[in-house]
Amino acid sequence: MLGRQDPAREREQRQRNEEREQDRQDTRDWQRRVNDDFARLAEDNRRRDEERQARERAERERQGRR
C-alpha cells in the first residue's frame, strides 16, 4: 500500500472534511444573517433618529410661532 490509506480510513477522512466544510458554510451563513440583522437595526435606528429630529424641529417651529 504505497501512498494509499485503507478505504475505511479514506472514507472517514472524506466525511470529516465534508463535515468541516459544512461547519464553515454554516458559520458563513450565520455571520451573514447576523450582519444583515445589524444592518437592519442600524437603518431602523437612523430612521427613528431622523423622525425624532423632524418632530423636535416641528415642535420648535410651532413653539416659535406662539
N, C-alpha and C. Protein backbone atom coordinates (compact mmCIF):
# COMPACT_ATOMS: atom_id res chain seq x y z
N MET A 1 0.84 -1.19 0.00
CA MET A 1 0.00 0.00 0.00
C MET A 1 0.88 1.25 0.00
N LEU A 2 1.58 1.43 -1.04
CA LEU A 2 2.45 2.59 -1.13
C LEU A 2 1.62 3.86 -1.37
N GLY A 3 1.64 4.78 -0.39
CA GLY A 3 0.96 6.06 -0.55
C GLY A 3 -0.55 5.99 -0.45
N ARG A 4 -1.11 4.85 -0.16
CA ARG A 4 -2.58 4.72 -0.07
C ARG A 4 -2.98 4.34 1.35
N GLN A 5 -4.06 4.96 1.80
CA GLN A 5 -4.61 4.55 3.08
C GLN A 5 -5.65 3.48 2.80
N ASP A 6 -6.07 2.81 3.83
CA ASP A 6 -7.12 1.82 3.61
C ASP A 6 -8.43 2.55 3.32
N PRO A 7 -9.32 1.93 2.54
CA PRO A 7 -10.56 2.60 2.11
C PRO A 7 -11.41 3.12 3.27
N ALA A 8 -11.49 2.40 4.37
CA ALA A 8 -12.30 2.85 5.50
C ALA A 8 -11.74 4.16 6.06
N ARG A 9 -10.44 4.25 6.17
CA ARG A 9 -9.81 5.47 6.68
C ARG A 9 -10.01 6.63 5.71
N GLU A 10 -9.90 6.36 4.42
CA GLU A 10 -10.14 7.41 3.42
C GLU A 10 -11.58 7.92 3.52
N ARG A 11 -12.51 7.00 3.69
CA ARG A 11 -13.92 7.37 3.82
C ARG A 11 -14.13 8.26 5.04
N GLU A 12 -13.55 7.86 6.17
CA GLU A 12 -13.67 8.65 7.39
C GLU A 12 -13.09 10.04 7.21
N GLN A 13 -11.93 10.10 6.57
CA GLN A 13 -11.28 11.38 6.35
C GLN A 13 -12.12 12.27 5.44
N ARG A 14 -12.66 11.68 4.38
CA ARG A 14 -13.52 12.42 3.47
C ARG A 14 -14.76 12.95 4.21
N GLN A 15 -15.33 12.10 5.05
CA GLN A 15 -16.51 12.51 5.81
C GLN A 15 -16.18 13.65 6.77
N ARG A 16 -15.04 13.56 7.45
CA ARG A 16 -14.62 14.65 8.35
C ARG A 16 -14.42 15.94 7.57
N ASN A 17 -13.81 15.83 6.40
CA ASN A 17 -13.59 17.02 5.57
C ASN A 17 -14.92 17.64 5.15
N GLU A 18 -15.87 16.80 4.76
CA GLU A 18 -17.19 17.29 4.36
C GLU A 18 -17.90 17.95 5.54
N GLU A 19 -17.78 17.34 6.72
CA GLU A 19 -18.40 17.92 7.91
C GLU A 19 -17.77 19.27 8.26
N ARG A 20 -16.44 19.35 8.13
CA ARG A 20 -15.75 20.61 8.39
C ARG A 20 -16.20 21.69 7.41
N GLU A 21 -16.30 21.31 6.14
CA GLU A 21 -16.74 22.28 5.13
C GLU A 21 -18.18 22.73 5.42
N GLN A 22 -19.03 21.80 5.82
CA GLN A 22 -20.41 22.16 6.16
C GLN A 22 -20.44 23.10 7.36
N ASP A 23 -19.59 22.84 8.35
CA ASP A 23 -19.50 23.73 9.51
C ASP A 23 -19.07 25.13 9.08
N ARG A 24 -18.08 25.20 8.18
CA ARG A 24 -17.62 26.51 7.70
C ARG A 24 -18.75 27.23 6.96
N GLN A 25 -19.49 26.49 6.14
CA GLN A 25 -20.60 27.10 5.41
C GLN A 25 -21.68 27.58 6.37
N ASP A 26 -21.99 26.76 7.37
CA ASP A 26 -22.98 27.16 8.37
C ASP A 26 -22.54 28.43 9.09
N THR A 27 -21.24 28.50 9.41
CA THR A 27 -20.71 29.69 10.09
C THR A 27 -20.83 30.91 9.19
N ARG A 28 -20.50 30.76 7.91
CA ARG A 28 -20.63 31.89 6.98
C ARG A 28 -22.09 32.33 6.87
N ASP A 29 -23.00 31.37 6.77
CA ASP A 29 -24.42 31.70 6.68
C ASP A 29 -24.89 32.44 7.93
N TRP A 30 -24.46 31.95 9.11
CA TRP A 30 -24.84 32.58 10.37
C TRP A 30 -24.30 34.01 10.42
N GLN A 31 -23.04 34.18 10.03
CA GLN A 31 -22.42 35.51 10.08
C GLN A 31 -23.14 36.47 9.13
N ARG A 32 -23.53 35.97 7.97
CA ARG A 32 -24.28 36.79 7.02
C ARG A 32 -25.61 37.24 7.64
N ARG A 33 -26.31 36.33 8.29
CA ARG A 33 -27.58 36.68 8.93
C ARG A 33 -27.37 37.72 10.03
N VAL A 34 -26.32 37.53 10.83
CA VAL A 34 -26.03 38.48 11.91
C VAL A 34 -25.72 39.86 11.31
N ASN A 35 -24.90 39.89 10.27
CA ASN A 35 -24.56 41.16 9.64
C ASN A 35 -25.80 41.83 9.06
N ASP A 36 -26.67 41.04 8.44
CA ASP A 36 -27.92 41.59 7.89
C ASP A 36 -28.78 42.16 9.01
N ASP A 37 -28.86 41.44 10.13
CA ASP A 37 -29.65 41.93 11.27
C ASP A 37 -29.08 43.24 11.80
N PHE A 38 -27.76 43.32 11.93
CA PHE A 38 -27.14 44.55 12.42
C PHE A 38 -27.39 45.70 11.45
N ALA A 39 -27.29 45.44 10.17
CA ALA A 39 -27.53 46.48 9.17
C ALA A 39 -28.98 46.97 9.26
N ARG A 40 -29.90 46.04 9.43
CA ARG A 40 -31.32 46.39 9.53
C ARG A 40 -31.56 47.23 10.80
N LEU A 41 -30.94 46.83 11.91
CA LEU A 41 -31.09 47.60 13.15
C LEU A 41 -30.51 49.01 13.01
N ALA A 42 -29.36 49.10 12.38
CA ALA A 42 -28.73 50.41 12.18
C ALA A 42 -29.63 51.30 11.33
N GLU A 43 -30.22 50.74 10.28
CA GLU A 43 -31.13 51.51 9.42
C GLU A 43 -32.38 51.93 10.20
N ASP A 44 -32.92 51.03 11.00
CA ASP A 44 -34.09 51.37 11.83
C ASP A 44 -33.75 52.51 12.79
N ASN A 45 -32.58 52.43 13.42
CA ASN A 45 -32.16 53.48 14.36
C ASN A 45 -31.99 54.81 13.64
N ARG A 46 -31.38 54.78 12.47
CA ARG A 46 -31.16 56.00 11.69
C ARG A 46 -32.51 56.64 11.35
N ARG A 47 -33.45 55.80 10.89
CA ARG A 47 -34.78 56.29 10.51
C ARG A 47 -35.50 56.88 11.73
N ARG A 48 -35.43 56.19 12.86
CA ARG A 48 -36.08 56.70 14.08
C ARG A 48 -35.46 58.03 14.52
N ASP A 49 -34.14 58.13 14.42
CA ASP A 49 -33.48 59.38 14.78
C ASP A 49 -33.94 60.52 13.87
N GLU A 50 -34.03 60.24 12.57
CA GLU A 50 -34.49 61.27 11.64
C GLU A 50 -35.92 61.69 11.96
N GLU A 51 -36.78 60.72 12.26
CA GLU A 51 -38.17 61.03 12.60
C GLU A 51 -38.25 61.85 13.89
N ARG A 52 -37.45 61.47 14.88
CA ARG A 52 -37.43 62.21 16.15
C ARG A 52 -36.96 63.64 15.92
N GLN A 53 -35.90 63.80 15.13
CA GLN A 53 -35.38 65.15 14.86
C GLN A 53 -36.42 65.99 14.12
N ALA A 54 -37.14 65.36 13.19
CA ALA A 54 -38.18 66.09 12.46
C ALA A 54 -39.30 66.52 13.41
N ARG A 55 -39.69 65.64 14.33
CA ARG A 55 -40.73 66.00 15.31
C ARG A 55 -40.25 67.15 16.20
N GLU A 56 -38.99 67.06 16.66
CA GLU A 56 -38.45 68.11 17.52
C GLU A 56 -38.37 69.44 16.77
N ARG A 57 -37.97 69.38 15.51
CA ARG A 57 -37.88 70.59 14.70
C ARG A 57 -39.28 71.20 14.52
N ALA A 58 -40.26 70.36 14.23
CA ALA A 58 -41.64 70.84 14.06
C ALA A 58 -42.15 71.44 15.36
N GLU A 59 -41.83 70.82 16.48
CA GLU A 59 -42.27 71.34 17.78
C GLU A 59 -41.62 72.68 18.07
N ARG A 60 -40.34 72.82 17.76
CA ARG A 60 -39.65 74.11 17.97
C ARG A 60 -40.28 75.20 17.10
N GLU A 61 -40.58 74.85 15.84
CA GLU A 61 -41.20 75.83 14.95
C GLU A 61 -42.57 76.23 15.47
N ARG A 62 -43.33 75.25 15.96
CA ARG A 62 -44.66 75.52 16.50
C ARG A 62 -44.54 76.42 17.73
N GLN A 63 -43.57 76.13 18.59
CA GLN A 63 -43.36 76.94 19.80
C GLN A 63 -42.96 78.37 19.41
N GLY A 64 -42.18 78.49 18.35
CA GLY A 64 -41.70 79.81 17.93
C GLY A 64 -42.81 80.68 17.38
N ARG A 65 -43.89 80.10 16.91
CA ARG A 65 -44.99 80.87 16.31
C ARG A 65 -45.94 81.42 17.36
N ARG A 66 -45.85 80.98 18.58
CA ARG A 66 -46.78 81.44 19.63
C ARG A 66 -46.54 82.88 19.97
